Amino acid sequence: MAGKPNPQKTALDASTRSWMVAGLILMGLFVFAFPLFRLYEPARRADARTAQEHYLADQGAEIFMANCESCHGVAGSGGLAPALGAREFLEAADDGQISALIAHGVPGTEMVAYSLDYGGPLTSTQIRAVTTFLRSLEGGAATNPLWRTPLADSNLSGRDLFNMACSRCHGVDLSGVPDVAPPLGSGSEAVEESDARLVRQVAEGGGGMPRFGGVLTPGQIDAVIAFIRQVQAEG
């Protein structure tokens, strides 16, 4: 004679089957989702890295403008110091080398250490940002065989030379920089100075002005003075 069904056992079996079915469904979802995760996760991470690089490049552009542009030129186009935006430099130097140059400086030159660890003003994150900014220029970087000595380009005009060598102190518009250097444009004391006096001042320096005789050729100095006279005349 068959025994009566045990209600508790029946309920337990039903519950077990339900959990087994739920487990199989969940496992199936995981099996289905894993390939999708592997497909989309790398792209998501790549997008995040790109966004981070863009952010760092923007920050680096501001830091470069405030700390480096006066010597290295707008966007690293060159000036008294090498053209860091030139294709030759960016292809030759990796990110680690660029960061090291910024952090440690270059002994024997005016390129001082910029890392806080060496008495400079920049944190490691800021140095990385400047490096990222310079690297972002590589895609559209122009070639410049004279990137190490930009002022050696014989095709530079008097305006070019002034902007590269003089504007950091006297201003692009010759209006001067307060507490740094006087104006040179129309209405300034420089109008009354003779060409010979201005040439000597540029070449020999003095009164807080550095000597440019070893940086600019006599012909380049003459071109700078001619540019200054042109701006004064245009008033």
C-alpha atoms as a PDB file:
ATOM      1  CA  MET A   1       0.000   0.000   0.000  1.00  0.00           C
ATOM      2  CA  ALA A   2       1.510   3.281  -1.118  1.00  0.00           C
ATOM      3  CA  GLY A   3       2.188   5.856   1.577  1.00  0.00           C
ATOM      4  CA  LYS A   4       0.628   9.238   1.550  1.00  0.00           C
ATOM      5  CA  PRO A   5       2.678  12.004  -0.085  1.00  0.00           C
ATOM      6  CA  ASN A   6       4.690  14.050   2.368  1.00  0.00           C
ATOM      7  CA  PRO A   7       3.624  17.683   1.867  1.00  0.00           C
ATOM      8  CA  GLN A   8       6.860  19.024   3.327  1.00  0.00           C
ATOM      9  CA  LYS A   9       9.003  16.843   1.040  1.00  0.00           C
ATOM     10  CA  THR A  10       6.920  17.835  -1.967  1.00  0.00           C
ATOM     11  CA  ALA A  11       7.318  21.535  -1.151  1.00  0.00           C
ATOM     12  CA  LEU A  12      11.059  21.092  -0.632  1.00  0.00           C
ATOM     13  CA  ASP A  13      11.435  19.320  -3.975  1.00  0.00           C
ATOM     14  CA  ALA A  14       9.476  22.057  -5.718  1.00  0.00           C
ATOM     15  CA  SER A  15      11.580  24.751  -4.069  1.00  0.00           C
ATOM     16  CA  THR A  16      14.780  22.944  -5.011  1.00  0.00           C
ATOM     17  CA  ARG A  17      13.697  22.646  -8.630  1.00  0.00           C
ATOM     18  CA  SER A  18      12.797  26.349  -8.668  1.00  0.00           C
ATOM     19  CA  TRP A  19      16.213  27.297  -7.368  1.00  0.00           C
ATOM     20  CA  MET A  20      17.892  24.981  -9.861  1.00  0.00           C
ATOM     21  CA  VAL A  21      15.949  26.528 -12.713  1.00  0.00           C
ATOM     22  CA  ALA A  22      16.799  30.027 -11.441  1.00  0.00           C
ATOM     23  CA  GLY A  23      20.450  29.048 -11.145  1.00  0.00           C
ATOM     24  CA  LEU A  24      20.503  27.688 -14.693  1.00  0.00           C
ATOM     25  CA  ILE A  25      18.875  30.860 -15.993  1.00  0.00           C
ATOM     26  CA  LEU A  26      21.372  33.029 -14.096  1.00  0.00           C
ATOM     27  CA  MET A  27      24.270  30.943 -15.386  1.00  0.00           C
ATOM     28  CA  GLY A  28      22.931  31.318 -18.903  1.00  0.00           C
ATOM     29  CA  LEU A  29      22.767  35.066 -18.458  1.00  0.00           C
ATOM     30  CA  PHE A  30      26.372  35.125 -17.282  1.00  0.00           C
ATOM     31  CA  VAL A  31      27.454  32.965 -20.212  1.00  0.00           C
ATOM     32  CA  PHE A  32      25.635  35.319 -22.572  1.00  0.00           C
ATOM     33  CA  ALA A  33      26.840  38.524 -20.899  1.00  0.00           C
ATOM     34  CA  PHE A  34      30.526  37.608 -20.600  1.00  0.00           C
ATOM     35  CA  PRO A  35      31.277  37.840 -24.345  1.00  0.00           C
ATOM     36  CA  LEU A  36      29.431  41.159 -24.447  1.00  0.00           C
ATOM     37  CA  PHE A  37      31.531  42.401 -21.524  1.00  0.00           C
ATOM     38  CA  ARG A  38      34.726  41.354 -23.286  1.00  0.00           C
ATOM     39  CA  LEU A  39      33.504  43.056 -26.448  1.00  0.00           C
ATOM     40  CA  TYR A  40      32.525  46.424 -24.959  1.00  0.00           C
ATOM     41  CA  GLU A  41      34.762  46.818 -21.895  1.00  0.00           C
ATOM     42  CA  PRO A  42      38.005  47.492 -23.835  1.00  0.00           C
ATOM     43  CA  ALA A  43      36.239  50.172 -25.856  1.00  0.00           C
ATOM     44  CA  ARG A  44      34.868  51.759 -22.682  1.00  0.00           C
ATOM     45  CA  ARG A  45      38.301  51.779 -21.098  1.00  0.00           C
ATOM     46  CA  ALA A  46      39.825  53.218 -24.263  1.00  0.00           C
ATOM     47  CA  ASP A  47      37.229  56.013 -24.252  1.00  0.00           C
ATOM     48  CA  ALA A  48      38.015  56.730 -20.602  1.00  0.00           C
ATOM     49  CA  ARG A  49      41.747  56.871 -21.345  1.00  0.00           C
ATOM     50  CA  THR A  50      41.148  59.201 -24.291  1.00  0.00           C
ATOM     51  CA  ALA A  51      38.990  61.498 -22.169  1.00  0.00           C
ATOM     52  CA  GLN A  52      41.670  61.548 -19.470  1.00  0.00           C
ATOM     53  CA  GLU A  53      44.387  62.361 -22.028  1.00  0.00           C
ATOM     54  CA  HIS A  54      42.309  65.216 -23.441  1.00  0.00           C
ATOM     55  CA  TYR A  55      41.785  66.583 -19.935  1.00  0.00           C
ATOM     56  CA  LEU A  56      45.499  66.362 -19.143  1.00  0.00           C
ATOM     57  CA  ALA A  57      46.406  67.955 -22.488  1.00  0.00           C
ATOM     58  CA  ASP A  58      44.097  70.906 -21.763  1.00  0.00           C
ATOM     59  CA  GLN A  59      45.619  71.327 -18.315  1.00  0.00           C
ATOM     60  CA  GLY A  60      49.105  70.970 -19.774  1.00  0.00           C
ATOM     61  CA  ALA A  61      48.421  73.676 -22.367  1.00  0.00           C
ATOM     62  CA  GLU A  62      47.612  76.154 -19.591  1.00  0.00           C
ATOM     63  CA  ILE A  63      50.701  75.178 -17.581  1.00  0.00           C
ATOM     64  CA  PHE A  64      52.903  75.390 -20.688  1.00  0.00           C
ATOM     65  CA  MET A  65      51.554  78.840 -21.519  1.00  0.00           C
ATOM     66  CA  ALA A  66      52.301  80.111 -18.012  1.00  0.00           C
ATOM     67  CA  ASN A  67      55.705  78.502 -17.495  1.00  0.00           C
ATOM     68  CA  CYS A  68      57.274  77.542 -20.827  1.00  0.00           C
ATOM     69  CA  GLU A  69      55.886  79.616 -23.682  1.00  0.00           C
ATOM     70  CA  SER A  70      58.082  82.658 -23.075  1.00  0.00           C
ATOM     71  CA  CYS A  71      61.191  80.624 -23.968  1.00  0.00           C
ATOM     72  CA  HIS A  72      59.882  77.762 -26.105  1.00  0.00           C
ATOM     73  CA  GLY A  73      57.328  79.763 -28.093  1.00  0.00           C
ATOM     74  CA  VAL A  74      53.590  79.406 -28.593  1.00  0.00           C
ATOM     75  CA  ALA A  75      52.710  75.694 -28.701  1.00  0.00           C
ATOM     76  CA  GLY A  76      56.418  74.900 -28.644  1.00  0.00           C
ATOM     77  CA  SER A  77      57.126  76.731 -31.907  1.00  0.00           C
ATOM     78  CA  GLY A  78      60.546  77.787 -30.641  1.00  0.00           C
ATOM     79  CA  GLY A  79      62.191  80.943 -29.368  1.00  0.00           C
ATOM     80  CA  LEU A  80      65.192  81.433 -27.151  1.00  0.00           C
ATOM     81  CA  ALA A  81      64.852  77.759 -26.319  1.00  0.00           C
ATOM     82  CA  PRO A  82      64.283  74.694 -28.554  1.00  0.00           C
ATOM     83  CA  ALA A  83      61.057  74.145 -30.486  1.00  0.00           C
ATOM     84  CA  LEU A  84      59.463  71.358 -28.449  1.00  0.00           C
ATOM     85  CA  GLY A  85      56.496  71.239 -30.817  1.00  0.00           C
ATOM     86  CA  ALA A  86      58.680  70.294 -33.773  1.00  0.00           C
ATOM     87  CA  ARG A  87      58.142  66.885 -35.361  1.00  0.00           C
ATOM     88  CA  GLU A  88      61.837  66.007 -35.018  1.00  0.00           C
ATOM     89  CA  PHE A  89      61.787  66.470 -31.239  1.00  0.00           C
ATOM     90  CA  LEU A  90      58.475  64.704 -30.646  1.00  0.00           C
ATOM     91  CA  GLU A  91      59.505  61.714 -32.750  1.00  0.00           C
ATOM     92  CA  ALA A  92      62.885  61.452 -31.028  1.00  0.00           C
ATOM     93  CA  ALA A  93      61.766  61.804 -27.406  1.00  0.00           C
ATOM     94  CA  ASP A  94      59.367  59.463 -25.617  1.00  0.00           C
ATOM     95  CA  ASP A  95      57.064  60.613 -22.828  1.00  0.00           C
ATOM     96  CA  GLY A  96      59.474  59.515 -20.107  1.00  0.00           C
ATOM     97  CA  GLN A  97      62.291  61.569 -21.606  1.00  0.00           C
ATOM     98  CA  ILE A  98      60.096  64.645 -21.991  1.00  0.00           C
ATOM     99  CA  SER A  99      58.928  64.395 -18.371  1.00  0.00           C
ATOM    100  CA  ALA A 100      62.519  63.941 -17.206  1.00  0.00           C
ATOM    101  CA  LEU A 101      63.656  67.057 -19.087  1.00  0.00           C
ATOM    102  CA  ILE A 102      60.884  69.079 -17.450  1.00  0.00           C
ATOM    103  CA  ALA A 103      61.468  67.622 -14.001  1.00  0.00           C
ATOM    104  CA  HIS A 104      65.284  67.707 -13.891  1.00  0.00           C
ATOM    105  CA  GLY A 105      66.087  70.552 -16.289  1.00  0.00           C
ATOM    106  CA  VAL A 106      69.188  70.647 -18.494  1.00  0.00           C
ATOM    107  CA  PRO A 107      72.450  71.432 -16.657  1.00  0.00           C
ATOM    108  CA  GLY A 108      74.493  74.202 -18.227  1.00  0.00           C
ATOM    109  CA  THR A 109      71.470  75.884 -19.826  1.00  0.00           C
ATOM    110  CA  GLU A 110      68.673  78.205 -18.719  1.00  0.00           C
ATOM    111  CA  MET A 111      66.359  75.172 -18.539  1.00  0.00           C
ATOM    112  CA  VAL A 112      66.021  74.756 -14.786  1.00  0.00           C
ATOM    113  CA  ALA A 113      64.364  71.888 -12.923  1.00  0.00           C
ATOM    114  CA  TYR A 114      60.601  72.330 -12.711  1.00  0.00           C
ATOM    115  CA  SER A 115      59.803  69.432 -10.380  1.00  0.00           C
ATOM    116  CA  LEU A 116      58.858  70.226  -6.786  1.00  0.00           C
ATOM    117  CA  ASP A 117      61.361  67.559  -5.770  1.00  0.00           C
ATOM    118  CA  TYR A 118      64.172  69.705  -7.201  1.00  0.00           C
ATOM    119  CA  GLY A 119      62.935  73.087  -6.076  1.00  0.00           C
ATOM    120  CA  GLY A 120      60.676  73.786  -9.053  1.00  0.00           C
ATOM    121  CA  PRO A 121      57.011  74.834  -9.118  1.00  0.00           C
ATOM    122  CA  LEU A 122      55.337  71.796 -10.726  1.00  0.00           C
ATOM    123  CA  THR A 123      53.925  68.595  -9.251  1.00  0.00           C
ATOM    124  CA  SER A 124      54.419  65.258 -10.959  1.00  0.00           C
ATOM    125  CA  THR A 125      50.823  65.411 -12.191  1.00  0.00           C
ATOM    126  CA  GLN A 126      51.411  68.855 -13.720  1.00  0.00           C
ATOM    127  CA  ILE A 127      54.592  67.628 -15.412  1.00  0.00           C
ATOM    128  CA  ARG A 128      52.643  64.693 -16.822  1.00  0.00           C
ATOM    129  CA  ALA A 129      50.016  67.156 -18.069  1.00  0.00           C
ATOM    130  CA  VAL A 130      52.642  69.240 -19.907  1.00  0.00           C
ATOM    131  CA  THR A 131      54.084  66.059 -21.418  1.00  0.00           C
ATOM    132  CA  THR A 132      50.607  64.996 -22.546  1.00  0.00           C
ATOM    133  CA  PHE A 133      50.037  68.426 -24.098  1.00  0.00           C
ATOM    134  CA  LEU A 134      53.291  68.265 -26.066  1.00  0.00           C
ATOM    135  CA  ARG A 135      52.499  64.729 -27.223  1.00  0.00           C
ATOM    136  CA  SER A 136      49.079  65.914 -28.417  1.00  0.00           C
ATOM    137  CA  LEU A 137      50.867  68.259 -30.839  1.00  0.00           C
ATOM    138  CA  GLU A 138      52.626  65.432 -32.651  1.00  0.00           C
ATOM    139  CA  GLY A 139      49.825  64.653 -35.118  1.00  0.00           C
ATOM    140  CA  GLY A 140      49.975  68.120 -36.662  1.00  0.00           C
ATOM    141  CA  ALA A 141      53.582  68.969 -35.851  1.00  0.00           C
ATOM    142  CA  ALA A 142      55.565  70.772 -38.523  1.00  0.00           C
ATOM    143  CA  THR A 143      59.083  69.722 -39.396  1.00  0.00           C
ATOM    144  CA  ASN A 144      61.848  72.030 -38.208  1.00  0.00           C
ATOM    145  CA  PRO A 145      65.441  70.909 -38.809  1.00  0.00           C
ATOM    146  CA  LEU A 146      66.601  73.827 -36.638  1.00  0.00           C
ATOM    147  CA  TRP A 147      64.379  72.889 -33.698  1.00  0.00           C
ATOM    148  CA  ARG A 148      67.358  72.905 -31.314  1.00  0.00           C
ATOM    149  CA  THR A 149      68.305  76.483 -32.286  1.00  0.00           C
ATOM    150  CA  PRO A 150      65.158  78.115 -33.746  1.00  0.00           C
ATOM    151  CA  LEU A 151      66.761  81.556 -33.953  1.00  0.00           C
ATOM    152  CA  ALA A 152      69.307  80.236 -36.445  1.00  0.00           C
ATOM    153  CA  ASP A 153      66.659  80.245 -39.192  1.00  0.00           C
ATOM    154  CA  SER A 154      67.820  82.789 -41.781  1.00  0.00           C
ATOM    155  CA  ASN A 155      64.245  83.291 -43.020  1.00  0.00           C
ATOM    156  CA  LEU A 156      62.998  84.866 -39.803  1.00  0.00           C
ATOM    157  CA  SER A 157      61.727  88.424 -40.140  1.00  0.00           C
ATOM    158  CA  GLY A 158      62.350  91.201 -37.633  1.00  0.00           C
ATOM    159  CA  ARG A 159      58.850  90.612 -36.240  1.00  0.00           C
ATOM    160  CA  ASP A 160      59.543  86.893 -35.902  1.00  0.00           C
ATOM    161  CA  LEU A 161      62.813  87.551 -34.111  1.00  0.00           C
ATOM    162  CA  PHE A 162      61.231  90.086 -31.772  1.00  0.00           C
ATOM    163  CA  ASN A 163      58.391  87.726 -30.892  1.00  0.00           C
ATOM    164  CA  MET A 164      60.790  84.858 -30.262  1.00  0.00           C
ATOM    165  CA  ALA A 165      63.503  86.717 -28.354  1.00  0.00           C
ATOM    166  CA  CYS A 166      62.037  89.929 -26.954  1.00  0.00           C
ATOM    167  CA  SER A 167      58.274  89.733 -26.522  1.00  0.00           C
ATOM    168  CA  ARG A 168      58.411  87.733 -23.287  1.00  0.00           C
ATOM    169  CA  CYS A 169      59.755  90.873 -21.583  1.00  0.00           C
ATOM    170  CA  HIS A 170      58.661  93.758 -23.819  1.00  0.00           C
ATOM    171  CA  GLY A 171      55.281  92.367 -24.891  1.00  0.00           C
ATOM    172  CA  VAL A 172      54.160  91.248 -28.340  1.00  0.00           C
ATOM    173  CA  ASP A 173      52.719  94.727 -28.981  1.00  0.00           C
ATOM    174  CA  LEU A 174      55.846  96.452 -27.540  1.00  0.00           C
ATOM    175  CA  SER A 175      53.784  97.787 -24.646  1.00  0.00           C
ATOM    176  CA  GLY A 176      56.207  96.357 -22.093  1.00  0.00           C
ATOM    177  CA  VAL A 177      55.629  94.091 -19.107  1.00  0.00           C
ATOM    178  CA  PRO A 178      55.219  95.823 -15.721  1.00  0.00           C
ATOM    179  CA  ASP A 179      58.141  95.241 -13.355  1.00  0.00           C
ATOM    180  CA  VAL A 180      59.947  93.293 -16.087  1.00  0.00           C
ATOM    181  CA  ALA A 181      60.856  95.507 -19.057  1.00  0.00           C
ATOM    182  CA  PRO A 182      59.808  98.928 -20.444  1.00  0.00           C
ATOM    183  CA  PRO A 183      57.644  99.582 -23.510  1.00  0.00           C
ATOM    184  CA  LEU A 184      59.362 100.172 -26.843  1.00  0.00           C
ATOM    185  CA  GLY A 185      56.487 101.370 -29.008  1.00  0.00           C
ATOM    186  CA  SER A 186      55.155 104.789 -29.942  1.00  0.00           C
ATOM    187  CA  GLY A 187      55.422 107.266 -27.077  1.00  0.00           C
ATOM    188  CA  SER A 188      58.099 105.285 -25.247  1.00  0.00           C
ATOM    189  CA  GLU A 189      61.571 106.533 -24.349  1.00  0.00           C
ATOM    190  CA  ALA A 190      62.965 104.158 -26.976  1.00  0.00           C
ATOM    191  CA  VAL A 191      61.667 106.493 -29.683  1.00  0.00           C
ATOM    192  CA  GLU A 192      64.295 109.055 -28.667  1.00  0.00           C
ATOM    193  CA  GLU A 193      67.142 106.538 -28.641  1.00  0.00           C
ATOM    194  CA  SER A 194      69.390 106.268 -31.689  1.00  0.00           C
ATOM    195  CA  ASP A 195      69.508 103.046 -33.682  1.00  0.00           C
ATOM    196  CA  ALA A 196      73.129 102.583 -32.647  1.00  0.00           C
ATOM    197  CA  ARG A 197      72.183 102.896 -28.960  1.00  0.00           C
ATOM    198  CA  LEU A 198      69.390 100.322 -29.316  1.00  0.00           C
ATOM    199  CA  VAL A 199      71.656  97.952 -31.226  1.00  0.00           C
ATOM    200  CA  ARG A 200      74.255  98.198 -28.478  1.00  0.00           C
ATOM    201  CA  GLN A 201      71.622  97.644 -25.795  1.00  0.00           C
ATOM    202  CA  VAL A 202      70.374  94.489 -27.498  1.00  0.00           C
ATOM    203  CA  ALA A 203      73.839  93.158 -28.202  1.00  0.00           C
ATOM    204  CA  GLU A 204      75.466  93.945 -24.868  1.00  0.00           C
ATOM    205  CA  GLY A 205      72.527  93.984 -22.484  1.00  0.00           C
ATOM    206  CA  GLY A 206      72.691  95.896 -19.222  1.00  0.00           C
ATOM    207  CA  GLY A 207      70.303  97.404 -16.721  1.00  0.00           C
ATOM    208  CA  GLY A 208      68.644  94.060 -16.092  1.00  0.00           C
ATOM    209  CA  MET A 209      68.448  93.168 -19.778  1.00  0.00           C
ATOM    210  CA  PRO A 210      70.331  90.017 -20.826  1.00  0.00           C
ATOM    211  CA  ARG A 211      72.970  90.101 -23.525  1.00  0.00           C
ATOM    212  CA  PHE A 212      71.691  88.948 -26.923  1.00  0.00           C
ATOM    213  CA  GLY A 213      74.920  89.369 -28.856  1.00  0.00           C
ATOM    214  CA  GLY A 214      75.654  85.678 -28.469  1.00  0.00           C
ATOM    215  CA  VAL A 215      72.104  84.686 -29.422  1.00  0.00           C
ATOM    216  CA  LEU A 216      71.294  86.948 -32.366  1.00  0.00           C
ATOM    217  CA  THR A 217      73.576  87.778 -35.280  1.00  0.00           C
ATOM    218  CA  PRO A 218      74.321  91.447 -36.068  1.00  0.00           C
ATOM    219  CA  GLY A 219      71.981  91.207 -39.045  1.00  0.00           C
ATOM    220  CA  GLN A 220      69.205  89.816 -36.868  1.00  0.00           C
ATOM    221  CA  ILE A 221      69.680  92.581 -34.308  1.00  0.00           C
ATOM    222  CA  ASP A 222      69.398  95.147 -37.108  1.00  0.00           C
ATOM    223  CA  ALA A 223      66.183  93.439 -38.262  1.00  0.00           C
ATOM    224  CA  VAL A 224      64.748  93.635 -34.736  1.00  0.00           C
ATOM    225  CA  ILE A 225      65.541  97.351 -34.486  1.00  0.00           C
ATOM    226  CA  ALA A 226      63.991  97.952 -37.917  1.00  0.00           C
ATOM    227  CA  PHE A 227      60.827  96.190 -36.740  1.00  0.00           C
ATOM    228  CA  ILE A 228      60.717  98.308 -33.578  1.00  0.00           C
ATOM    229  CA  ARG A 229      61.071 101.500 -35.660  1.00  0.00           C
ATOM    230  CA  GLN A 230      58.287 100.322 -37.959  1.00  0.00           C
ATOM    231  CA  VAL A 231      55.906  99.789 -35.045  1.00  0.00           C
ATOM    232  CA  GLN A 232      56.844 103.181 -33.576  1.00  0.00           C
ATOM    233  CA  ALA A 233      56.170 104.884 -36.900  1.00  0.00           C
ATOM    234  CA  GLU A 234      52.794 103.204 -37.248  1.00  0.00           C
ATOM    235  CA  GLY A 235      51.990 104.536 -33.800  1.00  0.00           C
END
